[in-house]
Amino acid sequence: MTADVAAAGVRAPVPDALPPRADAVVIGGGHNGLACAAYLARAGRSVVVLEARGQAGGCASTVDAIGARVNICNCDHTMIRASGIVEELDLAAHGLRYLDVDPMLIAVGWADEPVFIQWRSIERTVDGLARVAPAAADAYRRYLDVALPAAKLVLAVQGGRPTTPSIVATVVARQRLRGANVLLDWPRRSLVDVLTSFGLPSWVIAATHTVGPAVWGLGPDAPGTGLGALGLAIRHLVGVGRPVGGSGAVPAALERYVRAHGGRVVTGARVTGLDASGGRAHGVRLADGRRVTAHTVVNATDPRTLLVDWLAGEHAAARLRRRWAAAPAEDGYESKLDAVVTALPTPRAVAALPEDVLPAALRHVPTTIVSPTPRQQIEASADLKRGLIAQRPMFFLNIPSVLDETMRPGPGAHVLSQEILWTPWALEGGWGDRALPWGWLEQYASICENGPELLRSVRDWRAMTPPDYEREFYLRRGYVPSFPDGVMSALLGRRRELSRYKTPVAGLYLTGGATFPGAGVWGASGRNAARTILGRH
C-alpha cells in the first residue's frame, strides 16, 4: 500500500468493541450516518455506529476486488464540497484530499450526436457549444441566466437545517428572492419541458437527464423532474472532485473523526430490531441477540424497515407506520461493472475532436456519459416498469486511476468503472446470465475507436447488479433510498420524518439519503439530523 493511499484512509480500520450503552446509537455506517455521529461526538455525546457489513462506508465505499481498489458507486463528488462539512470537521486532517476534475463531464450519444463538454468555466463550455451549434450556445446562456440564481438558492437552503423559518430567511436575506420563482415553477414541470423552453438541443437535454432525474429512476417527461434541470448550473458553481484513494476516503475520514472524538464504529453488527415502549426509543437489538441501550437512536438505513417492520405495536407511530406500509416498496435499478484494463477506451466522437477543443491528455479524466435521445429515454422508462433493460442504456464511464495514481492496480493497468442505469431488480428472465453485464461493456466498446482492443485488454472484471446490492449491502430489493421530494416539500414540512428527521417516537430520528436533501455523497442529511438532535439551527 502506497503512502498516499494510507494517507487517504481508504482501508477499513480495526472495528471497535460493542458497548452495552451509549448516549446515541446510529444504525448504518454510510457517510450520512458517520457524519451524524461525527457532529454528535464533537458535541460531547457518547456515540456508537453499528454497521452490518465488515466495513463502514455503505455505497460510498471503496473496496478490494478483481485485484484493484474499486468504488461501489460513481467516484465524482459535487455537493459535499459545497456543504462545508469537509471544512467544519477538518477532514483533511483525517486523511481526505480532493483532486479537481475538469472538464467535469463529457457527454456522447449512441448515434451521431455532437459531443457536449461541460467545463467548470462557463465561458469555455459556451465556446465549445458555439463551435458545434451557435444556437445551442445562446440557449445555454439563456438557461444559465435563469438557473444560476436558483442554483445558488438551492445550495444555500439545502446546506442548512430545513425549518420553514430558516428556508424563508435564506430566500429573503441571501438571495433577495432571486431564483425563488424557479423553485416554485420548475418542480411542477418536467425536465424536458423546462430545458426545451430555453431552446436547448435534444443532446444537451439527454445528458442533463442522465446525470439528473435518470439517477432518481424517473424519465425526462415525468412531472416534478424540472428541478433536476438545475444540475448543470450547480456543477458550474461547485465543480467536481474525486478523493485521493477513491470515494471511500470520505467515510474513512469521517470514521476517523468519530473515533478521535470518543465515538465507536462497530462493524459486523447488524441491527434487526428497535427497543421502544411508551412512545420512546430505548436502544436497539442485534441479529446475534446483543443489545445497546441509548436514549437517542438514529436510523441511517432504509426508513421503511424501521417504520414498518420495527415499529409494529408502537402506538405513538401507528399512523406513520400505516402510511409507510401502504406505500409500495421501491425496486433497485442500477448496476455497475468494474474491470482491470490495459487499454483506455475513447469514443469515436471524442477521438474526432480537435486538440484545442479537448486536449488528448484530458479525454480520460472526467466521467463520460452515454445517453440515448430523450424520446428513447422516455421509452426506456416504460421498459423499466416492465422489467426490461433498454437496448441503448444510459452509461457512466470513468477511469479513476488516470487522475488518481493511487487507484492504479499495477504498471500499465487501469480501473475502468461503468455504471448502467435502469437495470431492474425484477428483470424479466432473471439475472442468471453472466453474459448480460459483459454485454454492457461490449456495447460501450462498439462506439469506441479502439473497442476490440479494449475488450482484449480486460484482465479481470466483476458486475454488481440490484440483487448483488441486496445481498451484500442489505438494500431491500436492491434499492438505494433517496429523498423523493424537493426544496418546496421541505419548506412545507411534508413527510416530516424525512424533511425534519424526527419521528413520533421520542428519541428516534432518521437520516441518510432517504431524507432531505437526498442521495449522493453529500453528508448534509447527517449534519442536519445531528443539529436536530442537539436542538441547534
Protein backbone atom coordinates (compact mmCIF):
# COMPACT_ATOMS: atom_id res chain seq x y z
CA MET A 1 0.00 0.00 0.00
CA THR A 2 1.46 3.37 -1.00
CA ALA A 3 1.84 6.25 1.43
CA ASP A 4 -0.77 8.26 -0.48
CA VAL A 5 -3.35 5.51 -0.16
CA ALA A 6 -2.62 5.15 3.54
CA ALA A 7 -2.97 8.91 3.99
CA ALA A 8 -6.29 8.85 2.17
CA GLY A 9 -7.62 6.44 4.76
CA VAL A 10 -9.46 4.20 2.35
CA ARG A 11 -8.82 0.90 4.06
CA ALA A 12 -11.06 -0.32 6.86
CA PRO A 13 -9.62 0.07 10.38
CA VAL A 14 -9.98 -2.47 13.16
CA PRO A 15 -13.60 -2.38 14.41
CA ASP A 16 -14.42 -1.20 17.92
CA ALA A 17 -15.93 -3.41 20.61
CA LEU A 18 -19.67 -3.14 21.14
CA PRO A 19 -20.56 -1.13 24.26
CA PRO A 20 -23.69 -2.05 26.25
CA ARG A 21 -24.90 1.56 26.28
CA ALA A 22 -24.28 4.96 24.73
CA ASP A 23 -25.90 8.39 24.52
CA ALA A 24 -26.68 7.78 20.85
CA VAL A 25 -26.76 4.79 18.54
CA VAL A 26 -26.52 5.31 14.78
CA ILE A 27 -27.81 2.42 12.67
CA GLY A 28 -25.80 2.23 9.46
CA GLY A 29 -22.23 3.30 8.77
CA GLY A 30 -22.75 5.06 5.46
CA HIS A 31 -21.32 8.54 5.09
CA ASN A 32 -24.50 10.23 6.38
CA GLY A 33 -24.63 8.03 9.46
CA LEU A 34 -20.95 8.73 10.09
CA ALA A 35 -21.46 12.47 9.56
CA CYS A 36 -24.29 12.47 12.09
CA ALA A 37 -22.12 10.56 14.54
CA ALA A 38 -19.21 12.95 13.97
CA TYR A 39 -21.26 16.01 14.89
CA LEU A 40 -22.78 14.28 17.91
CA ALA A 41 -19.36 13.14 19.10
CA ARG A 42 -17.97 16.65 18.62
CA ALA A 43 -20.77 17.90 20.89
CA GLY A 44 -19.62 15.54 23.62
CA ARG A 45 -22.17 12.76 23.21
CA SER A 46 -21.03 9.16 23.55
CA VAL A 47 -21.85 7.64 20.15
CA VAL A 48 -21.73 4.16 18.67
CA VAL A 49 -22.21 3.49 14.95
CA LEU A 50 -23.45 -0.01 14.05
CA GLU A 51 -22.63 -1.24 10.55
CA ALA A 52 -23.85 -4.62 9.29
CA ARG A 53 -21.03 -5.07 6.78
CA GLY A 54 -17.41 -5.72 7.64
CA GLN A 55 -16.50 -2.20 6.51
CA ALA A 56 -18.19 1.14 7.10
CA GLY A 57 -18.93 3.47 4.21
CA GLY A 58 -22.01 2.00 2.55
CA CYS A 59 -22.39 2.84 -1.13
CA ALA A 60 -19.67 5.49 -0.80
CA SER A 61 -17.11 2.74 -0.03
CA THR A 62 -14.00 1.83 -1.94
CA VAL A 63 -13.27 -1.91 -1.71
CA ASP A 64 -10.73 -4.52 -2.75
CA ALA A 65 -11.94 -6.51 -5.77
CA ILE A 66 -10.55 -8.02 -9.01
CA GLY A 67 -7.02 -7.21 -7.89
CA ALA A 68 -7.75 -3.50 -7.59
CA ARG A 69 -9.42 -0.84 -5.47
CA VAL A 70 -12.87 -0.09 -6.88
CA ASN A 71 -15.60 2.35 -5.88
CA ILE A 72 -19.00 0.92 -5.06
CA CYS A 73 -20.67 3.85 -6.82
CA ASN A 74 -19.58 6.73 -9.04
CA CYS A 75 -16.45 8.49 -7.81
CA ASP A 76 -17.44 12.07 -8.76
CA HIS A 77 -18.28 14.26 -5.77
CA THR A 78 -20.01 17.62 -6.03
CA MET A 79 -22.39 18.52 -3.22
CA ILE A 80 -20.21 17.54 -0.25
CA ARG A 81 -17.65 20.08 -1.45
CA ALA A 82 -20.27 22.82 -1.23
CA SER A 83 -21.73 21.69 2.09
CA GLY A 84 -18.97 23.00 4.36
CA ILE A 85 -18.71 19.65 6.14
CA VAL A 86 -15.17 18.97 4.94
CA GLU A 87 -14.01 22.28 6.46
CA GLU A 88 -16.18 22.18 9.62
CA LEU A 89 -14.82 18.78 10.61
CA ASP A 90 -11.35 19.45 9.18
CA LEU A 91 -11.50 16.17 7.32
CA ALA A 92 -8.20 16.98 5.61
CA ALA A 93 -6.57 16.37 8.98
CA HIS A 94 -8.16 12.92 8.92
CA GLY A 95 -6.82 11.91 5.51
CA LEU A 96 -9.24 13.45 2.98
CA ARG A 97 -7.76 15.15 -0.06
CA TYR A 98 -9.58 16.04 -3.28
CA LEU A 99 -8.43 16.17 -6.89
CA ASP A 100 -10.29 18.55 -9.20
CA VAL A 101 -11.97 17.10 -12.30
CA ASP A 102 -12.08 19.47 -15.28
CA PRO A 103 -13.73 19.09 -17.72
CA MET A 104 -16.48 17.96 -15.37
CA LEU A 105 -18.15 15.64 -17.86
CA ILE A 106 -18.08 14.51 -21.48
CA ALA A 107 -21.45 13.53 -22.94
CA VAL A 108 -21.89 11.47 -26.09
CA GLY A 109 -24.85 9.80 -27.75
CA TRP A 110 -25.41 6.43 -29.35
CA ALA A 111 -25.58 7.86 -32.88
CA ASP A 112 -24.01 10.93 -34.46
CA GLU A 113 -24.99 13.48 -31.81
CA PRO A 114 -22.45 16.24 -31.06
CA VAL A 115 -20.23 15.86 -28.01
CA PHE A 116 -21.23 18.04 -25.07
CA ILE A 117 -18.32 19.00 -22.82
CA GLN A 118 -19.05 20.79 -19.56
CA TRP A 119 -16.12 22.65 -18.09
CA ARG A 120 -16.05 24.40 -14.71
CA SER A 121 -15.69 27.61 -16.71
CA ILE A 122 -18.98 28.80 -18.16
CA GLU A 123 -17.21 30.63 -20.97
CA ARG A 124 -15.23 27.58 -22.02
CA THR A 125 -18.41 25.48 -22.00
CA VAL A 126 -20.31 28.03 -24.09
CA ASP A 127 -17.41 28.41 -26.52
CA GLY A 128 -17.38 24.67 -27.07
CA LEU A 129 -21.11 24.66 -27.78
CA ALA A 130 -20.74 27.59 -30.17
CA ARG A 131 -18.25 25.66 -32.29
CA VAL A 132 -20.85 22.92 -32.79
CA ALA A 133 -24.13 24.84 -32.78
CA PRO A 134 -24.25 28.60 -32.14
CA ALA A 135 -27.95 28.36 -31.30
CA ALA A 136 -27.14 25.86 -28.55
CA ALA A 137 -24.59 28.25 -27.05
CA ASP A 138 -27.17 31.06 -26.97
CA ALA A 139 -29.72 28.73 -25.42
CA TYR A 140 -27.22 27.64 -22.75
CA ARG A 141 -26.61 31.27 -21.78
CA ARG A 142 -30.35 31.87 -21.51
CA TYR A 143 -30.64 28.78 -19.32
CA LEU A 144 -27.81 29.90 -17.01
CA ASP A 145 -29.26 33.42 -16.65
CA VAL A 146 -32.30 31.83 -15.02
CA ALA A 147 -30.75 28.75 -13.44
CA LEU A 148 -27.70 30.18 -11.66
CA PRO A 149 -29.62 32.33 -9.12
CA ALA A 150 -31.91 29.39 -8.38
CA ALA A 151 -28.91 27.04 -8.05
CA LYS A 152 -27.29 29.40 -5.54
CA LEU A 153 -30.54 29.45 -3.59
CA VAL A 154 -30.79 25.65 -3.59
CA LEU A 155 -27.22 25.35 -2.31
CA ALA A 156 -27.91 27.86 0.47
CA VAL A 157 -31.17 26.20 1.52
CA GLN A 158 -30.05 22.58 1.30
CA GLY A 159 -26.86 23.25 3.20
CA GLY A 160 -28.80 24.09 6.37
CA ARG A 161 -31.35 22.56 8.68
CA PRO A 162 -34.68 22.66 6.79
CA THR A 163 -37.09 24.52 9.02
CA THR A 164 -39.64 26.81 7.41
CA PRO A 165 -38.25 29.95 9.11
CA SER A 166 -34.68 29.12 8.09
CA ILE A 167 -35.65 28.47 4.47
CA VAL A 168 -37.69 31.66 4.22
CA ALA A 169 -34.87 33.64 5.84
CA THR A 170 -32.39 32.23 3.34
CA VAL A 171 -34.61 33.09 0.39
CA VAL A 172 -35.16 36.65 1.55
CA ALA A 173 -31.83 37.56 3.11
CA ARG A 174 -29.28 35.78 0.94
CA GLN A 175 -30.87 35.83 -2.49
CA ARG A 176 -33.43 38.63 -2.14
CA LEU A 177 -35.97 36.33 -3.77
CA ARG A 178 -33.82 35.82 -6.90
CA GLY A 179 -34.41 32.30 -8.10
CA ALA A 180 -37.40 31.75 -5.83
CA ASN A 181 -39.78 31.73 -8.79
CA VAL A 182 -37.82 28.84 -10.30
CA LEU A 183 -38.23 26.81 -7.11
CA LEU A 184 -41.96 27.40 -7.33
CA ASP A 185 -42.28 26.73 -11.06
CA TRP A 186 -39.77 24.07 -12.16
CA PRO A 187 -40.79 21.35 -9.65
CA ARG A 188 -44.24 21.37 -11.25
CA ARG A 189 -42.81 20.71 -14.71
CA SER A 190 -40.76 18.03 -16.43
CA LEU A 191 -37.09 18.34 -17.27
CA VAL A 192 -37.85 18.15 -21.00
CA ASP A 193 -40.39 20.96 -20.68
CA VAL A 194 -38.02 23.22 -18.74
CA LEU A 195 -34.97 22.76 -20.94
CA THR A 196 -36.89 22.84 -24.22
CA SER A 197 -38.30 26.23 -23.21
CA PHE A 198 -34.77 27.68 -23.44
CA GLY A 199 -34.18 26.16 -26.87
CA LEU A 200 -31.55 23.68 -25.71
CA PRO A 201 -30.93 20.85 -28.20
CA SER A 202 -32.00 17.27 -27.51
CA TRP A 203 -28.43 16.03 -26.97
CA VAL A 204 -27.87 18.50 -24.11
CA ILE A 205 -31.28 17.64 -22.64
CA ALA A 206 -30.47 13.92 -22.81
CA ALA A 207 -27.16 14.43 -20.98
CA THR A 208 -28.80 16.58 -18.31
CA HIS A 209 -31.40 13.89 -17.71
CA THR A 210 -28.81 11.12 -17.45
CA VAL A 211 -26.88 12.90 -14.68
CA GLY A 212 -30.11 14.10 -13.01
CA PRO A 213 -33.60 12.58 -12.89
CA ALA A 214 -32.43 9.31 -14.51
CA VAL A 215 -30.39 8.65 -11.37
CA TRP A 216 -33.64 9.04 -9.41
CA GLY A 217 -35.29 6.44 -11.65
CA LEU A 218 -37.53 8.96 -13.43
CA GLY A 219 -37.99 9.70 -17.12
CA PRO A 220 -37.27 13.15 -18.58
CA ASP A 221 -41.00 13.74 -19.14
CA ALA A 222 -42.02 12.87 -15.57
CA PRO A 223 -43.83 15.66 -13.71
CA GLY A 224 -41.66 17.06 -10.95
CA THR A 225 -38.32 16.40 -12.66
CA GLY A 226 -37.98 20.02 -13.77
CA LEU A 227 -35.90 20.93 -10.72
CA GLY A 228 -33.33 18.42 -11.98
CA ALA A 229 -32.58 20.91 -14.75
CA LEU A 230 -30.56 22.87 -12.17
CA GLY A 231 -27.88 20.18 -12.17
CA LEU A 232 -25.74 21.75 -14.87
CA ALA A 233 -25.79 25.15 -13.17
CA ILE A 234 -24.88 23.66 -9.78
CA ARG A 235 -21.85 21.96 -11.30
CA HIS A 236 -20.56 25.30 -12.59
CA LEU A 237 -20.89 26.75 -9.09
CA VAL A 238 -19.37 23.86 -7.16
CA GLY A 239 -17.19 21.87 -9.55
CA VAL A 240 -16.44 18.15 -9.45
CA GLY A 241 -13.78 16.43 -7.40
CA ARG A 242 -12.52 12.96 -6.54
CA PRO A 243 -10.99 11.93 -3.22
CA VAL A 244 -7.47 10.56 -3.39
CA GLY A 245 -7.68 6.82 -2.88
CA GLY A 246 -11.29 6.55 -4.01
CA SER A 247 -14.73 7.61 -2.92
CA GLY A 248 -14.31 5.65 0.30
CA ALA A 249 -11.84 8.23 1.57
CA VAL A 250 -14.84 10.32 2.67
CA PRO A 251 -16.44 7.78 5.04
CA ALA A 252 -12.96 6.71 6.16
CA ALA A 253 -12.12 10.29 7.19
CA LEU A 254 -15.48 10.62 8.95
CA GLU A 255 -14.87 7.32 10.74
CA ARG A 256 -11.51 8.55 11.95
CA TYR A 257 -13.11 11.77 13.16
CA VAL A 258 -15.74 9.85 15.14
CA ARG A 259 -13.07 7.76 16.84
CA ALA A 260 -10.86 10.79 17.50
CA HIS A 261 -13.75 12.33 19.43
CA GLY A 262 -14.50 9.28 21.55
CA GLY A 263 -17.09 7.59 19.35
CA ARG A 264 -17.10 3.94 18.35
CA VAL A 265 -17.70 2.32 14.95
CA VAL A 266 -18.66 -1.35 15.24
CA THR A 267 -18.73 -3.37 12.01
CA GLY A 268 -20.29 -6.78 11.51
CA ALA A 269 -23.10 -5.58 13.78
CA ARG A 270 -26.45 -5.98 12.03
CA VAL A 271 -29.37 -4.33 13.78
CA THR A 272 -32.62 -6.29 13.50
CA GLY A 273 -34.92 -4.53 15.91
CA LEU A 274 -35.71 -1.46 17.98
CA ASP A 275 -36.32 -1.38 21.71
CA ALA A 276 -39.15 1.10 22.26
CA SER A 277 -42.06 1.45 24.67
CA GLY A 278 -44.32 4.17 25.95
CA GLY A 279 -43.64 6.31 22.90
CA ARG A 280 -39.87 6.41 23.47
CA ALA A 281 -36.84 4.65 21.98
CA HIS A 282 -34.57 2.86 24.44
CA GLY A 283 -32.00 1.17 22.20
CA VAL A 284 -31.51 -1.48 19.52
CA ARG A 285 -31.29 -5.27 19.15
CA LEU A 286 -28.68 -7.01 17.00
CA ALA A 287 -29.02 -10.18 14.95
CA ASP A 288 -26.80 -12.09 17.40
CA GLY A 289 -29.03 -11.19 20.34
CA ARG A 290 -26.90 -8.42 21.81
CA ARG A 291 -28.42 -5.07 22.76
CA VAL A 292 -27.24 -1.49 23.03
CA THR A 293 -29.16 0.86 25.29
CA ALA A 294 -29.42 4.53 24.27
CA HIS A 295 -31.85 7.39 24.72
CA THR A 296 -31.18 8.54 21.14
CA VAL A 297 -31.44 6.19 18.15
CA VAL A 298 -30.69 7.42 14.63
CA ASN A 299 -31.57 5.28 11.63
CA ALA A 300 -29.29 5.91 8.65
CA THR A 301 -30.56 2.96 6.59
CA ASP A 302 -33.78 2.37 4.65
CA PRO A 303 -36.51 4.03 6.77
CA ARG A 304 -39.09 1.53 5.54
CA THR A 305 -37.54 -1.30 7.54
CA LEU A 306 -37.55 0.80 10.68
CA LEU A 307 -41.01 2.34 10.29
CA VAL A 308 -42.86 -0.73 9.03
CA ASP A 309 -41.04 -3.74 10.48
CA TRP A 310 -39.56 -2.45 13.74
CA LEU A 311 -42.34 -0.16 14.98
CA ALA A 312 -45.12 -2.73 14.93
CA GLY A 313 -47.13 -2.34 18.11
CA GLU A 314 -45.73 1.09 18.97
CA HIS A 315 -48.90 3.18 19.36
CA ALA A 316 -47.16 6.55 19.04
CA ALA A 317 -46.12 5.75 15.48
CA ALA A 318 -49.19 3.78 14.35
CA ARG A 319 -50.39 6.39 11.86
CA LEU A 320 -46.93 6.85 10.37
CA ARG A 321 -46.44 3.09 10.13
CA ARG A 322 -49.75 2.62 8.30
CA ARG A 323 -48.77 5.25 5.73
CA TRP A 324 -45.43 3.62 5.01
CA ALA A 325 -46.88 0.11 4.97
CA ALA A 326 -49.48 1.17 2.38
CA ALA A 327 -46.86 2.56 0.00
CA PRO A 328 -45.35 0.05 -2.47
CA ALA A 329 -41.73 -0.93 -1.94
CA GLU A 330 -39.31 0.53 -4.49
CA ASP A 331 -37.10 -1.63 -6.71
CA GLY A 332 -33.43 -1.04 -7.41
CA TYR A 333 -32.45 -0.17 -10.98
CA GLU A 334 -28.70 0.49 -11.11
CA SER A 335 -25.81 -1.84 -11.91
CA LYS A 336 -22.05 -1.36 -12.07
CA LEU A 337 -19.27 -3.15 -13.91
CA ASP A 338 -15.63 -2.79 -12.88
CA ALA A 339 -12.71 -4.06 -14.95
CA VAL A 340 -8.93 -4.01 -14.84
CA VAL A 341 -7.81 -2.97 -18.33
CA THR A 342 -4.62 -2.07 -20.14
CA ALA A 343 -6.29 -0.03 -22.92
CA LEU A 344 -8.03 3.31 -22.41
CA PRO A 345 -11.25 3.44 -24.45
CA THR A 346 -12.09 6.58 -26.43
CA PRO A 347 -15.49 7.08 -28.08
CA ARG A 348 -15.11 7.82 -31.79
CA ALA A 349 -16.93 11.12 -31.41
CA VAL A 350 -14.44 12.19 -28.73
CA ALA A 351 -11.42 10.97 -30.70
CA ALA A 352 -12.52 13.18 -33.60
CA LEU A 353 -12.41 16.37 -31.52
CA PRO A 354 -9.61 18.85 -32.26
CA GLU A 355 -6.88 19.20 -29.65
CA ASP A 356 -7.90 22.80 -28.89
CA VAL A 357 -11.45 21.66 -28.09
CA LEU A 358 -10.48 18.76 -25.82
CA PRO A 359 -6.78 18.01 -25.29
CA ALA A 360 -5.92 14.31 -25.55
CA ALA A 361 -4.42 14.42 -22.05
CA LEU A 362 -7.85 15.22 -20.58
CA ARG A 363 -10.03 12.79 -22.52
CA HIS A 364 -9.95 10.08 -19.85
CA VAL A 365 -10.02 12.33 -16.77
CA PRO A 366 -13.77 13.10 -16.43
CA THR A 367 -16.70 10.75 -16.46
CA THR A 368 -18.05 10.08 -19.94
CA ILE A 369 -21.79 9.62 -20.08
CA VAL A 370 -23.58 7.86 -22.93
CA SER A 371 -27.21 8.85 -23.44
CA PRO A 372 -29.96 7.79 -25.80
CA THR A 373 -32.24 10.52 -27.10
CA PRO A 374 -34.92 11.99 -24.82
CA ARG A 375 -37.56 10.07 -26.75
CA GLN A 376 -35.62 6.84 -26.22
CA GLN A 377 -35.19 7.70 -22.53
CA ILE A 378 -38.96 8.05 -22.21
CA GLU A 379 -39.42 4.65 -23.85
CA ALA A 380 -36.75 3.18 -21.56
CA SER A 381 -38.68 4.47 -18.55
CA ALA A 382 -41.69 2.45 -19.67
CA ASP A 383 -39.44 -0.60 -20.26
CA LEU A 384 -38.06 -0.31 -16.72
CA LYS A 385 -41.55 -0.68 -15.26
CA ARG A 386 -41.96 -3.89 -17.30
CA GLY A 387 -38.71 -5.40 -16.05
CA LEU A 388 -36.80 -4.70 -19.27
CA ILE A 389 -33.44 -3.06 -19.99
CA ALA A 390 -33.30 -0.60 -22.88
CA GLN A 391 -31.43 -1.69 -25.99
CA ARG A 392 -29.42 1.53 -25.70
CA PRO A 393 -28.95 2.11 -21.94
CA MET A 394 -27.57 5.15 -20.14
CA PHE A 395 -23.94 4.63 -19.12
CA PHE A 396 -21.48 6.41 -16.83
CA LEU A 397 -17.87 5.56 -17.76
CA ASN A 398 -14.86 6.65 -15.76
CA ILE A 399 -11.30 5.53 -15.27
CA PRO A 400 -10.42 6.91 -11.83
CA SER A 401 -6.86 5.61 -11.97
CA VAL A 402 -5.98 8.11 -14.74
CA LEU A 403 -6.35 11.11 -12.45
CA ASP A 404 -5.52 9.31 -9.19
CA GLU A 405 -2.37 7.21 -9.37
CA THR A 406 -3.14 5.61 -6.01
CA MET A 407 -6.02 3.77 -7.71
CA ARG A 408 -3.81 2.03 -10.28
CA PRO A 409 -3.78 -1.75 -9.90
CA GLY A 410 -0.29 -2.12 -11.35
CA PRO A 411 2.09 -0.92 -14.07
CA GLY A 412 0.28 -0.24 -17.34
CA ALA A 413 -3.10 -1.15 -15.88
CA HIS A 414 -6.15 0.93 -15.01
CA VAL A 415 -9.53 0.51 -13.33
CA LEU A 416 -12.49 1.09 -15.64
CA SER A 417 -15.87 1.61 -13.99
CA GLN A 418 -19.15 1.50 -15.88
CA GLU A 419 -22.48 2.34 -14.24
CA ILE A 420 -25.60 1.21 -16.05
CA LEU A 421 -28.91 2.91 -15.36
CA TRP A 422 -32.30 1.29 -15.38
CA THR A 423 -31.43 -2.35 -14.89
CA PRO A 424 -34.47 -3.57 -12.92
CA TRP A 425 -34.21 -5.73 -9.81
CA ALA A 426 -37.17 -7.74 -11.13
CA LEU A 427 -35.52 -8.35 -14.50
CA GLU A 428 -37.62 -10.32 -16.93
CA GLY A 429 -35.91 -13.71 -17.18
CA GLY A 430 -33.79 -13.13 -14.08
CA TRP A 431 -30.14 -12.24 -13.50
CA GLY A 432 -28.52 -15.63 -14.04
CA ASP A 433 -26.80 -14.89 -17.36
CA ARG A 434 -23.25 -13.58 -16.82
CA ALA A 435 -23.12 -12.59 -20.49
CA LEU A 436 -25.62 -9.80 -19.82
CA PRO A 437 -23.32 -7.47 -17.86
CA TRP A 438 -20.38 -8.29 -20.15
CA GLY A 439 -22.62 -7.16 -22.99
CA TRP A 440 -22.76 -3.66 -21.50
CA LEU A 441 -19.00 -3.36 -21.90
CA GLU A 442 -19.31 -4.68 -25.44
CA GLN A 443 -21.94 -2.04 -26.16
CA TYR A 444 -19.63 0.71 -24.99
CA ALA A 445 -16.75 -0.75 -26.95
CA SER A 446 -18.95 -0.60 -30.10
CA ILE A 447 -18.86 3.23 -30.06
CA CYS A 448 -15.13 3.45 -29.27
CA GLU A 449 -12.37 3.80 -31.83
CA ASN A 450 -10.38 1.09 -30.06
CA GLY A 451 -13.28 -1.09 -28.96
CA PRO A 452 -11.81 -4.50 -29.86
CA GLU A 453 -8.54 -3.56 -28.17
CA LEU A 454 -10.44 -2.58 -25.01
CA LEU A 455 -12.19 -5.93 -24.79
CA ARG A 456 -8.97 -7.87 -25.37
CA SER A 457 -7.21 -5.85 -22.67
CA VAL A 458 -9.57 -6.85 -19.83
CA ARG A 459 -7.57 -8.74 -17.19
CA ASP A 460 -10.43 -9.27 -14.78
CA TRP A 461 -13.90 -7.87 -14.17
CA ARG A 462 -16.95 -8.08 -11.97
CA ALA A 463 -20.54 -6.84 -12.09
CA MET A 464 -22.79 -5.62 -9.29
CA THR A 465 -26.50 -5.86 -10.14
CA PRO A 466 -29.54 -4.98 -7.98
CA PRO A 467 -29.67 -8.50 -6.44
CA ASP A 468 -25.98 -8.15 -5.55
CA TYR A 469 -26.63 -4.85 -3.77
CA GLU A 470 -29.47 -6.50 -1.89
CA ARG A 471 -27.28 -9.40 -0.79
CA GLU A 472 -24.09 -7.51 0.01
CA PHE A 473 -25.44 -4.17 1.27
CA TYR A 474 -28.75 -5.26 2.79
CA LEU A 475 -30.63 -2.99 0.38
CA ARG A 476 -34.22 -4.20 0.14
CA ARG A 477 -34.87 -5.24 -3.48
CA GLY A 478 -31.54 -3.61 -4.37
CA TYR A 479 -33.00 -0.14 -3.90
CA VAL A 480 -30.88 2.78 -2.68
CA PRO A 481 -33.35 5.10 -0.90
CA SER A 482 -33.35 8.74 -1.99
CA PHE A 483 -35.34 11.71 -0.68
CA PRO A 484 -38.36 11.77 -3.01
CA ASP A 485 -39.23 15.47 -2.80
CA GLY A 486 -37.59 18.83 -3.35
CA VAL A 487 -36.91 22.08 -1.56
CA MET A 488 -40.54 23.18 -1.62
CA SER A 489 -41.61 19.94 0.06
CA ALA A 490 -39.07 20.60 2.80
CA LEU A 491 -40.30 24.18 3.08
CA LEU A 492 -43.86 22.98 3.60
CA GLY A 493 -42.78 20.25 6.01
CA ARG A 494 -44.23 17.38 4.00
CA ARG A 495 -43.22 13.88 5.13
CA ARG A 496 -41.85 15.46 8.27
CA GLU A 497 -40.00 12.31 9.25
CA LEU A 498 -37.91 12.77 6.07
CA SER A 499 -37.65 16.55 5.92
CA ARG A 500 -37.34 17.24 9.67
CA TYR A 501 -35.59 13.98 10.72
CA LYS A 502 -37.94 13.38 13.68
CA THR A 503 -40.42 10.56 14.28
CA PRO A 504 -43.41 10.44 16.65
CA VAL A 505 -41.33 8.16 18.89
CA ALA A 506 -39.29 10.28 21.28
CA GLY A 507 -35.56 9.83 20.80
CA LEU A 508 -35.95 8.19 17.38
CA TYR A 509 -34.55 10.06 14.37
CA LEU A 510 -33.91 9.47 10.68
CA THR A 511 -31.01 10.43 8.44
CA GLY A 512 -29.44 9.11 5.24
CA GLY A 513 -30.12 9.55 1.54
CA ALA A 514 -33.84 8.92 2.04
CA THR A 515 -34.10 12.17 4.00
CA PHE A 516 -33.66 15.79 2.93
CA PRO A 517 -31.70 16.87 0.90
CA GLY A 518 -31.26 13.45 -0.75
CA ALA A 519 -28.86 10.82 -2.00
CA GLY A 520 -25.36 11.20 -3.36
CA VAL A 521 -22.13 11.81 -1.45
CA TRP A 522 -23.22 14.89 0.44
CA GLY A 523 -23.42 14.41 4.21
CA ALA A 524 -25.86 17.30 4.74
CA SER A 525 -28.56 14.93 5.95
CA GLY A 526 -26.26 13.56 8.64
CA ARG A 527 -25.25 17.01 9.82
CA ASN A 528 -28.85 18.26 9.79
CA ALA A 529 -30.05 15.26 11.80
CA ALA A 530 -27.33 15.86 14.40
CA ARG A 531 -28.30 19.51 14.65
CA THR A 532 -31.93 18.48 15.14
CA ILE A 533 -30.95 16.12 17.96
CA LEU A 534 -28.79 18.80 19.56
CA GLY A 535 -31.51 21.44 19.13
CA ARG A 536 -29.27 23.69 17.05
CA HIS A 537 -30.03 25.66 13.89
